């Protein structure tokens, strides 16, 4: 928040906010809860995640009911039975068409709260494959938090929905971006990310950054700092040359490389001072 444009911080208002990789939506939820705004656009490529947002918006009470029953069942089991239930729900989650969208959203939340370290990871076939986390009494969900989120996602003004939920490639948001937009880009990180979002994808993203910069939007981007592993790695310094590149402290519990856990630096790239 302290790195937002000064006029937005002072007024606690903005016209349009766009987040192309919304993920868990921590910053989006904070801004939408504490700032006045005209419109917010959130997007993510993960359709299973976007389904959770849509279900919280449209079927919140049914979702809470399903989660309540799942938690009650889970807590009555011993450790081996809890693991069996986790694996059963994980299989059902991967067999996407086997249940309705509300149950799939409940399954997503359940496995996120009972898996190892709250990690989301898929195999090459797109199957969620994180092992059970051995949590005997997980928090699972917070009813009031879900209801607050539902209320937030249903905000309207003159009959128009103030929050637009999209599912697709990050470029899908481009038509919503103009010189009045604030854009926060939080992509899969480099170098900890293996697979799809590699260095070439990061280069393509930097072109998207420059495109929306040319529209006059205020843009802020987060990424890993490769200098944590190699002081001579200038990948992002070169990629975003000409923009305001800042290194900020962050704490990470999940990382494929042990050196990337604990207190590290990340980069923040802004096209404004």
Protein backbone atom coordinates (compact mmCIF):
# COMPACT_ATOMS: atom_id res chain seq x y z
CA UNK A 1 0.00 0.00 0.00
CA UNK A 2 2.80 2.44 0.82
CA UNK A 3 3.98 2.13 -2.79
CA UNK A 4 0.67 3.17 -4.35
CA UNK A 5 0.58 6.49 -6.23
CA UNK A 6 0.52 9.39 -3.76
CA UNK A 7 -2.81 10.82 -4.95
CA UNK A 8 -4.54 7.45 -4.42
CA UNK A 9 -3.05 7.04 -0.95
CA UNK A 10 -4.15 10.55 0.06
CA UNK A 11 -7.69 10.38 -1.29
CA UNK A 12 -8.33 6.68 -0.55
CA UNK A 13 -10.09 6.59 -3.92
CA UNK A 14 -9.39 5.33 -7.43
CA UNK A 15 -11.46 4.98 -10.57
CA UNK A 16 -10.43 1.57 -11.96
CA UNK A 17 -8.29 -1.15 -10.42
CA UNK A 18 -7.12 -4.11 -12.51
CA UNK A 19 -5.40 -7.27 -11.26
CA UNK A 20 -4.56 -9.71 -14.11
CA UNK A 21 -3.22 -12.48 -11.80
CA UNK A 22 -5.55 -12.20 -8.81
CA UNK A 23 -4.64 -15.48 -7.07
CA UNK A 24 -5.73 -15.33 -3.43
CA UNK A 25 -6.60 -11.66 -3.92
CA UNK A 26 -5.11 -10.28 -0.70
CA UNK A 27 -4.33 -6.84 -2.13
CA UNK A 28 -7.56 -6.67 -4.14
CA UNK A 29 -9.64 -7.48 -1.04
CA UNK A 30 -7.77 -4.90 1.02
CA UNK A 31 -8.23 -2.13 -1.55
CA UNK A 32 -11.87 -2.98 -2.21
CA UNK A 33 -12.57 -2.96 1.54
CA UNK A 34 -10.73 0.26 2.40
CA UNK A 35 -10.88 2.49 -0.69
CA UNK A 36 -13.69 4.08 -2.68
CA UNK A 37 -13.70 2.98 -6.30
CA UNK A 38 -15.73 3.00 -9.49
CA UNK A 39 -14.78 -0.42 -10.84
CA UNK A 40 -12.45 -3.36 -10.14
CA UNK A 41 -11.43 -6.01 -12.67
CA UNK A 42 -9.96 -9.27 -11.35
CA UNK A 43 -8.73 -12.12 -13.54
CA UNK A 44 -6.90 -15.41 -13.25
CA UNK A 45 -6.07 -18.24 -15.65
CA UNK A 46 -7.00 -20.87 -13.04
CA UNK A 47 -10.69 -21.56 -13.71
CA UNK A 48 -10.99 -23.64 -10.53
CA UNK A 49 -9.89 -20.65 -8.47
CA UNK A 50 -12.18 -18.24 -10.33
CA UNK A 51 -15.04 -20.66 -9.67
CA UNK A 52 -14.43 -20.14 -5.93
CA UNK A 53 -14.81 -16.36 -6.34
CA UNK A 54 -18.01 -16.80 -8.35
CA UNK A 55 -19.52 -19.26 -5.88
CA UNK A 56 -18.69 -17.00 -2.91
CA UNK A 57 -20.45 -14.23 -4.80
CA UNK A 58 -23.57 -16.12 -5.88
CA UNK A 59 -23.97 -19.17 -3.59
CA UNK A 60 -22.29 -18.20 -0.34
CA UNK A 61 -24.73 -19.83 2.09
CA UNK A 62 -24.77 -23.11 0.18
CA UNK A 63 -20.97 -23.07 0.16
CA UNK A 64 -20.86 -22.49 3.93
CA UNK A 65 -23.29 -25.37 4.46
CA UNK A 66 -21.15 -27.77 2.41
CA UNK A 67 -17.95 -26.68 4.17
CA UNK A 68 -19.61 -27.11 7.56
CA UNK A 69 -20.58 -30.70 6.75
CA UNK A 70 -17.12 -31.49 5.37
CA UNK A 71 -15.42 -30.09 8.47
CA UNK A 72 -17.76 -31.99 10.78
CA UNK A 73 -17.03 -35.23 8.93
CA UNK A 74 -13.26 -34.61 8.89
CA UNK A 75 -13.05 -33.89 12.63
CA UNK A 76 -14.79 -37.11 13.63
CA UNK A 77 -12.09 -39.23 11.96
CA UNK A 78 -8.79 -40.52 13.23
CA UNK A 79 -5.57 -39.58 11.43
CA UNK A 80 -5.68 -42.36 8.83
CA UNK A 81 -9.33 -41.66 8.02
CA UNK A 82 -8.60 -37.93 7.70
CA UNK A 83 -5.91 -38.70 5.16
CA UNK A 84 -8.30 -40.98 3.26
CA UNK A 85 -10.93 -38.22 3.19
CA UNK A 86 -8.36 -35.70 1.92
CA UNK A 87 -7.31 -38.02 -0.91
CA UNK A 88 -10.94 -38.74 -1.80
CA UNK A 89 -11.76 -35.02 -1.98
CA UNK A 90 -8.59 -34.37 -3.97
CA UNK A 91 -9.61 -37.03 -6.50
CA UNK A 92 -13.08 -35.50 -6.74
CA UNK A 93 -11.51 -32.06 -7.22
CA UNK A 94 -9.45 -33.39 -10.12
CA UNK A 95 -12.53 -35.04 -11.63
CA UNK A 96 -13.99 -31.60 -12.22
CA UNK A 97 -17.19 -32.59 -14.04
CA UNK A 98 -18.25 -35.12 -11.40
CA UNK A 99 -19.84 -32.58 -9.03
CA UNK A 100 -21.52 -29.18 -9.23
CA UNK A 101 -19.63 -25.89 -9.00
CA UNK A 102 -20.56 -25.19 -5.38
CA UNK A 103 -19.15 -28.56 -4.29
CA UNK A 104 -16.03 -27.93 -6.36
CA UNK A 105 -15.53 -24.58 -4.60
CA UNK A 106 -15.96 -26.34 -1.24
CA UNK A 107 -13.47 -28.98 -2.34
CA UNK A 108 -10.96 -26.29 -3.35
CA UNK A 109 -11.17 -24.61 0.06
CA UNK A 110 -11.09 -27.95 1.90
CA UNK A 111 -7.92 -29.22 0.21
CA UNK A 112 -6.26 -25.80 0.53
CA UNK A 113 -6.79 -25.93 4.30
CA UNK A 114 -5.84 -29.58 4.78
CA UNK A 115 -3.00 -30.02 2.28
CA UNK A 116 0.72 -29.59 2.93
CA UNK A 117 1.55 -25.93 3.65
CA UNK A 118 -1.51 -24.54 1.85
CA UNK A 119 0.30 -25.17 -1.43
CA UNK A 120 -1.40 -25.16 -4.84
CA UNK A 121 0.44 -27.29 -7.38
CA UNK A 122 -0.61 -29.25 -10.46
CA UNK A 123 1.09 -32.02 -12.41
CA UNK A 124 1.66 -31.83 -16.18
CA UNK A 125 -1.85 -33.16 -16.81
CA UNK A 126 -3.39 -30.39 -14.70
CA UNK A 127 -4.14 -32.59 -11.70
CA UNK A 128 -3.78 -31.16 -8.21
CA UNK A 129 -1.14 -33.35 -6.54
CA UNK A 130 -0.21 -31.81 -3.16
CA UNK A 131 -0.05 -34.40 -0.33
CA UNK A 132 -2.12 -34.33 2.83
CA UNK A 133 -0.84 -31.87 5.44
CA UNK A 134 -1.49 -33.97 8.57
CA UNK A 135 -3.58 -31.18 10.10
CA UNK A 136 -5.87 -32.69 12.70
CA UNK A 137 -7.99 -29.59 13.41
CA UNK A 138 -7.69 -27.07 10.56
CA UNK A 139 -9.58 -23.77 10.63
CA UNK A 140 -11.12 -24.73 7.25
CA UNK A 141 -13.24 -21.57 6.82
CA UNK A 142 -14.62 -18.46 8.51
CA UNK A 143 -18.36 -17.91 7.98
CA UNK A 144 -18.31 -14.16 8.56
CA UNK A 145 -15.28 -13.71 6.33
CA UNK A 146 -16.99 -15.57 3.50
CA UNK A 147 -20.17 -13.52 3.94
CA UNK A 148 -18.16 -10.29 3.95
CA UNK A 149 -16.40 -11.41 0.79
CA UNK A 150 -19.73 -12.23 -0.85
CA UNK A 151 -21.07 -8.78 0.04
CA UNK A 152 -17.93 -7.19 -1.38
CA UNK A 153 -18.16 -9.11 -4.67
CA UNK A 154 -21.81 -8.10 -5.04
CA UNK A 155 -21.21 -4.34 -4.74
CA UNK A 156 -23.30 -2.39 -7.24
CA UNK A 157 -23.80 1.23 -8.24
CA UNK A 158 -26.93 2.27 -10.15
CA UNK A 159 -27.55 -1.40 -10.91
CA UNK A 160 -24.05 -1.90 -12.36
CA UNK A 161 -21.73 -4.44 -10.80
CA UNK A 162 -18.60 -2.73 -9.47
CA UNK A 163 -16.43 -5.85 -9.47
CA UNK A 164 -15.92 -7.80 -12.70
CA UNK A 165 -14.58 -11.37 -12.44
CA UNK A 166 -12.75 -12.73 -15.49
CA UNK A 167 -11.13 -16.07 -16.26
CA UNK A 168 -8.40 -16.23 -18.88
CA UNK A 169 -4.98 -15.09 -20.04
CA UNK A 170 -3.74 -11.89 -18.38
CA UNK A 171 -4.04 -10.02 -21.68
CA UNK A 172 -7.82 -10.37 -21.34
CA UNK A 173 -7.87 -7.34 -19.05
CA UNK A 174 -6.23 -5.01 -21.56
CA UNK A 175 -9.50 -3.51 -22.87
CA UNK A 176 -10.37 -2.33 -19.35
CA UNK A 177 -7.14 -0.36 -18.95
CA UNK A 178 -6.86 3.35 -19.74
CA UNK A 179 -5.13 6.42 -18.29
CA UNK A 180 -7.38 6.32 -15.21
CA UNK A 181 -6.51 2.72 -14.28
CA UNK A 182 -4.32 1.41 -11.49
CA UNK A 183 -2.87 -2.01 -12.38
CA UNK A 184 -1.15 -4.43 -10.01
CA UNK A 185 0.62 -7.35 -11.70
CA UNK A 186 1.58 -10.29 -9.47
CA UNK A 187 2.55 -13.12 -11.86
CA UNK A 188 4.05 -16.55 -11.16
CA UNK A 189 7.55 -15.72 -9.96
CA UNK A 190 10.98 -16.32 -11.46
CA UNK A 191 13.27 -18.19 -10.76
CA UNK A 192 11.28 -20.32 -8.29
CA UNK A 193 8.61 -21.15 -10.86
CA UNK A 194 9.16 -24.19 -13.04
CA UNK A 195 7.15 -25.00 -16.14
CA UNK A 196 4.73 -22.65 -17.90
CA UNK A 197 5.72 -19.17 -16.74
CA UNK A 198 9.39 -19.29 -17.69
CA UNK A 199 11.80 -16.53 -18.71
CA UNK A 200 10.20 -16.20 -22.15
CA UNK A 201 6.80 -15.72 -20.52
CA UNK A 202 8.33 -13.07 -18.24
CA UNK A 203 9.65 -11.26 -21.33
CA UNK A 204 6.19 -11.34 -22.92
CA UNK A 205 4.74 -9.96 -19.69
CA UNK A 206 7.23 -7.07 -19.77
CA UNK A 207 5.90 -6.20 -23.23
CA UNK A 208 2.37 -6.16 -21.79
CA UNK A 209 3.68 -3.89 -19.00
CA UNK A 210 5.08 -1.47 -21.58
CA UNK A 211 1.86 -1.57 -23.61
CA UNK A 212 -0.33 -0.55 -20.69
CA UNK A 213 2.28 1.98 -19.59
CA UNK A 214 1.84 3.63 -22.99
CA UNK A 215 -1.90 3.91 -22.24
CA UNK A 216 -1.09 6.13 -19.27
CA UNK A 217 -2.12 3.63 -16.58
CA UNK A 218 -0.35 3.53 -13.22
CA UNK A 219 1.34 0.11 -13.06
CA UNK A 220 3.00 -1.80 -10.23
CA UNK A 221 4.50 -5.28 -10.66
CA UNK A 222 5.87 -7.77 -8.11
CA UNK A 223 8.33 -10.56 -8.80
CA UNK A 224 11.05 -12.61 -7.19
CA UNK A 225 14.51 -11.09 -6.97
CA UNK A 226 16.97 -13.43 -8.74
CA UNK A 227 19.78 -11.71 -6.85
CA UNK A 228 18.78 -13.76 -3.80
CA UNK A 229 20.45 -16.68 -5.57
CA UNK A 230 22.93 -14.91 -7.85
CA UNK A 231 24.22 -11.37 -7.25
CA UNK A 232 25.06 -11.08 -10.94
CA UNK A 233 21.58 -11.96 -12.22
CA UNK A 234 20.30 -8.76 -13.86
CA UNK A 235 17.28 -10.38 -15.55
CA UNK A 236 14.60 -8.04 -14.21
CA UNK A 237 16.90 -5.01 -13.99
CA UNK A 238 17.44 -5.34 -17.74
CA UNK A 239 13.86 -6.31 -18.53
CA UNK A 240 12.34 -3.27 -16.80
CA UNK A 241 15.13 -0.79 -17.49
CA UNK A 242 13.76 2.75 -17.44
CA UNK A 243 11.15 2.04 -14.77
CA UNK A 244 11.35 2.46 -11.00
CA UNK A 245 12.78 -0.84 -9.71
CA UNK A 246 12.77 -1.26 -5.93
CA UNK A 247 13.84 -4.19 -3.77
CA UNK A 248 11.59 -4.89 -0.80
CA UNK A 249 11.82 -7.36 2.07
CA UNK A 250 9.49 -10.36 2.04
CA UNK A 251 9.02 -13.56 3.99
CA UNK A 252 8.45 -16.85 2.19
CA UNK A 253 7.63 -20.26 3.70
CA UNK A 254 7.19 -22.10 0.37
CA UNK A 255 9.98 -22.27 -2.16
CA UNK A 256 11.48 -25.01 -4.32
CA UNK A 257 14.92 -23.81 -3.27
CA UNK A 258 15.79 -23.74 0.44
CA UNK A 259 17.70 -20.48 0.00
CA UNK A 260 14.46 -18.86 -1.09
CA UNK A 261 12.73 -19.49 2.24
CA UNK A 262 12.65 -17.06 5.15
CA UNK A 263 13.47 -13.36 4.76
CA UNK A 264 14.39 -12.51 1.18
CA UNK A 265 14.02 -9.57 -1.19
CA UNK A 266 11.50 -9.25 -3.98
CA UNK A 267 11.31 -6.62 -6.67
CA UNK A 268 8.63 -4.00 -7.14
CA UNK A 269 8.51 -2.30 -10.55
CA UNK A 270 6.54 0.94 -10.84
CA UNK A 271 6.06 3.29 -13.77
CA UNK A 272 5.61 6.21 -11.35
CA UNK A 273 7.71 7.72 -8.57
